[in-house]
C-alpha atoms as a PDB file:
ATOM      1  CA  MET A   1       0.000   0.000   0.000  1.00  0.00           C
ATOM      2  CA  VAL A   2       1.224   3.498  -0.850  1.00  0.00           C
ATOM      3  CA  THR A   3       0.196   6.288   1.523  1.00  0.00           C
ATOM      4  CA  ASN A   4       0.418  10.087   1.769  1.00  0.00           C
ATOM      5  CA  LEU A   5      -0.620  10.652  -1.842  1.00  0.00           C
ATOM      6  CA  ILE A   6      -2.039  13.952  -3.069  1.00  0.00           C
ATOM      7  CA  ALA A   7      -5.634  13.772  -4.308  1.00  0.00           C
ATOM      8  CA  GLY A   8      -5.985  14.441  -8.035  1.00  0.00           C
ATOM      9  CA  THR A   9      -2.349  13.597  -8.801  1.00  0.00           C
ATOM     10  CA  THR A  10      -1.451  10.835 -11.240  1.00  0.00           C
ATOM     11  CA  TYR A  11       1.292   8.538 -10.002  1.00  0.00           C
ATOM     12  CA  LYS A  12       3.297   5.982 -11.975  1.00  0.00           C
ATOM     13  CA  PHE A  13       4.310   2.655 -10.444  1.00  0.00           C
ATOM     14  CA  LYS A  14       6.528  -0.254 -11.448  1.00  0.00           C
ATOM     15  CA  VAL A  15       7.819  -3.279  -9.543  1.00  0.00           C
ATOM     16  CA  GLN A  16      11.101  -5.161  -9.474  1.00  0.00           C
ATOM     17  CA  ALA A  17      11.686  -8.610  -7.962  1.00  0.00           C
ATOM     18  CA  ARG A  18      14.819  -9.745  -6.123  1.00  0.00           C
ATOM     19  CA  ASN A  19      16.182 -13.108  -5.077  1.00  0.00           C
ATOM     20  CA  SER A  20      19.588 -14.347  -3.902  1.00  0.00           C
ATOM     21  CA  PHE A  21      20.951 -14.027  -7.465  1.00  0.00           C
ATOM     22  CA  GLY A  22      19.957 -10.434  -8.069  1.00  0.00           C
ATOM     23  CA  TYR A  23      17.236  -8.180  -9.387  1.00  0.00           C
ATOM     24  CA  SER A  24      14.744  -8.732 -12.186  1.00  0.00           C
ATOM     25  CA  THR A  25      13.962  -6.218 -14.862  1.00  0.00           C
ATOM     26  CA  TYR A  26      11.096  -3.862 -14.072  1.00  0.00           C
ATOM     27  CA  SER A  27       7.455  -4.734 -14.571  1.00  0.00           C
ATOM     28  CA  SER A  28       5.339  -2.755 -16.963  1.00  0.00           C
ATOM     29  CA  GLU A  29       4.481   0.714 -15.702  1.00  0.00           C
ATOM     30  CA  VAL A  30       0.967   1.605 -14.546  1.00  0.00           C
ATOM     31  CA  SER A  31      -0.454   5.115 -14.082  1.00  0.00           C
ATOM     32  CA  ILE A  32      -3.025   5.594 -11.333  1.00  0.00           C
ATOM     33  CA  LEU A  33      -4.975   8.715 -10.447  1.00  0.00           C
ATOM     34  CA  ALA A  34      -5.296   9.338  -6.705  1.00  0.00           C
ATOM     35  CA  ALA A  35      -9.010   9.904  -6.075  1.00  0.00           C
ATOM     36  CA  GLN A  36     -10.411  13.325  -5.293  1.00  0.00           C
ATOM     37  CA  VAL A  37     -13.764  14.958  -4.698  1.00  0.00           C
ATOM     38  CA  PRO A  38     -15.948  14.680  -7.836  1.00  0.00           C
ATOM     39  CA  ASP A  39     -17.135  17.624  -9.912  1.00  0.00           C
ATOM     40  CA  LYS A  40     -20.671  18.789  -9.241  1.00  0.00           C
ATOM     41  CA  PRO A  41     -23.521  17.234 -11.222  1.00  0.00           C
ATOM     42  CA  VAL A  42     -24.562  19.328 -14.234  1.00  0.00           C
ATOM     43  CA  SER A  43     -27.640  19.832 -16.398  1.00  0.00           C
ATOM     44  CA  LEU A  44     -30.114  19.487 -13.517  1.00  0.00           C
ATOM     45  CA  ALA A  45     -33.573  19.478 -15.097  1.00  0.00           C
ATOM     46  CA  ASN A  46     -37.211  18.744 -14.412  1.00  0.00           C
ATOM     47  CA  VAL A  47     -38.526  15.574 -16.056  1.00  0.00           C
ATOM     48  CA  ALA A  48     -41.981  16.771 -17.078  1.00  0.00           C
ATOM     49  CA  ALA A  49     -43.179  13.244 -17.861  1.00  0.00           C
ATOM     50  CA  THR A  50     -42.809  12.210 -14.203  1.00  0.00           C
ATOM     51  CA  THR A  51     -43.626  15.518 -12.498  1.00  0.00           C
ATOM     52  CA  THR A  52     -47.114  15.709 -11.002  1.00  0.00           C
ATOM     53  CA  ALA A  53     -48.901  17.713  -8.294  1.00  0.00           C
ATOM     54  CA  VAL A  54     -47.323  15.495  -5.625  1.00  0.00           C
ATOM     55  CA  GLN A  55     -43.898  14.581  -7.028  1.00  0.00           C
ATOM     56  CA  ILE A  56     -41.046  16.159  -8.959  1.00  0.00           C
ATOM     57  CA  GLY A  57     -38.990  14.227 -11.483  1.00  0.00           C
ATOM     58  CA  LEU A  58     -35.344  15.265 -11.688  1.00  0.00           C
ATOM     59  CA  GLU A  59     -32.455  14.235 -13.900  1.00  0.00           C
ATOM     60  CA  TRP A  60     -28.826  15.317 -14.091  1.00  0.00           C
ATOM     61  CA  THR A  61     -25.511  14.351 -15.609  1.00  0.00           C
ATOM     62  CA  ASP A  62     -22.308  13.530 -13.747  1.00  0.00           C
ATOM     63  CA  GLY A  63     -19.709  16.280 -13.745  1.00  0.00           C
ATOM     64  CA  ALA A  64     -16.908  16.195 -16.283  1.00  0.00           C
ATOM     65  CA  TYR A  65     -14.504  14.540 -13.868  1.00  0.00           C
ATOM     66  CA  ASP A  66     -15.467  11.785 -11.421  1.00  0.00           C
ATOM     67  CA  GLY A  67     -12.442  12.137  -9.150  1.00  0.00           C
ATOM     68  CA  GLY A  68     -10.801   8.896 -10.177  1.00  0.00           C
ATOM     69  CA  THR A  69     -13.386   6.742  -8.440  1.00  0.00           C
ATOM     70  CA  SER A  70     -17.012   5.838  -9.093  1.00  0.00           C
ATOM     71  CA  ILE A  71     -19.829   8.021  -7.790  1.00  0.00           C
ATOM     72  CA  ILE A  72     -21.491   6.142  -4.914  1.00  0.00           C
ATOM     73  CA  ASP A  73     -24.693   8.151  -4.594  1.00  0.00           C
ATOM     74  CA  TYR A  74     -26.249  11.615  -4.603  1.00  0.00           C
ATOM     75  CA  THR A  75     -28.096  13.739  -2.047  1.00  0.00           C
ATOM     76  CA  VAL A  76     -31.048  15.827  -3.247  1.00  0.00           C
ATOM     77  CA  PHE A  77     -31.860  19.117  -1.488  1.00  0.00           C
ATOM     78  CA  SER A  78     -34.884  21.415  -1.760  1.00  0.00           C
ATOM     79  CA  ASP A  79     -35.633  25.054  -0.902  1.00  0.00           C
ATOM     80  CA  GLY A  80     -39.355  25.859  -0.859  1.00  0.00           C
ATOM     81  CA  GLY A  81     -38.674  29.588  -1.167  1.00  0.00           C
ATOM     82  CA  THR A  82     -37.522  30.205   2.422  1.00  0.00           C
ATOM     83  CA  GLY A  83     -33.788  30.289   1.708  1.00  0.00           C
ATOM     84  CA  THR A  84     -33.315  27.163   3.827  1.00  0.00           C
ATOM     85  CA  TRP A  85     -32.155  24.009   2.065  1.00  0.00           C
ATOM     86  CA  THR A  86     -33.599  20.716   3.283  1.00  0.00           C
ATOM     87  CA  THR A  87     -32.290  17.236   2.510  1.00  0.00           C
ATOM     88  CA  LEU A  88     -34.948  15.350   0.554  1.00  0.00           C
ATOM     89  CA  ALA A  89     -33.174  12.147  -0.385  1.00  0.00           C
ATOM     90  CA  THR A  90     -29.773  10.560   0.225  1.00  0.00           C
ATOM     91  CA  GLY A  91     -28.399   7.552  -1.575  1.00  0.00           C
ATOM     92  CA  VAL A  92     -30.113   8.446  -4.838  1.00  0.00           C
END
């Protein structure tokens, strides 16, 4: 395990073996992006086909950059005109 990496930085790794006779040649190189916070979702829009008097349909697109790791879920917030944001759904 490699620790103390900087989020958003791409690191290159290679490996070399050793036994009592000496060292091997290097393995192939691999580049790995250290994960970081994802970009915000974009293109938030109402889905008119699923919006009714009692529910709102929403859709959005992932941001341009996912931080090097998969998005796990989203949290949806709402402001009913009071200036106070309320969590509506987590794990979406």
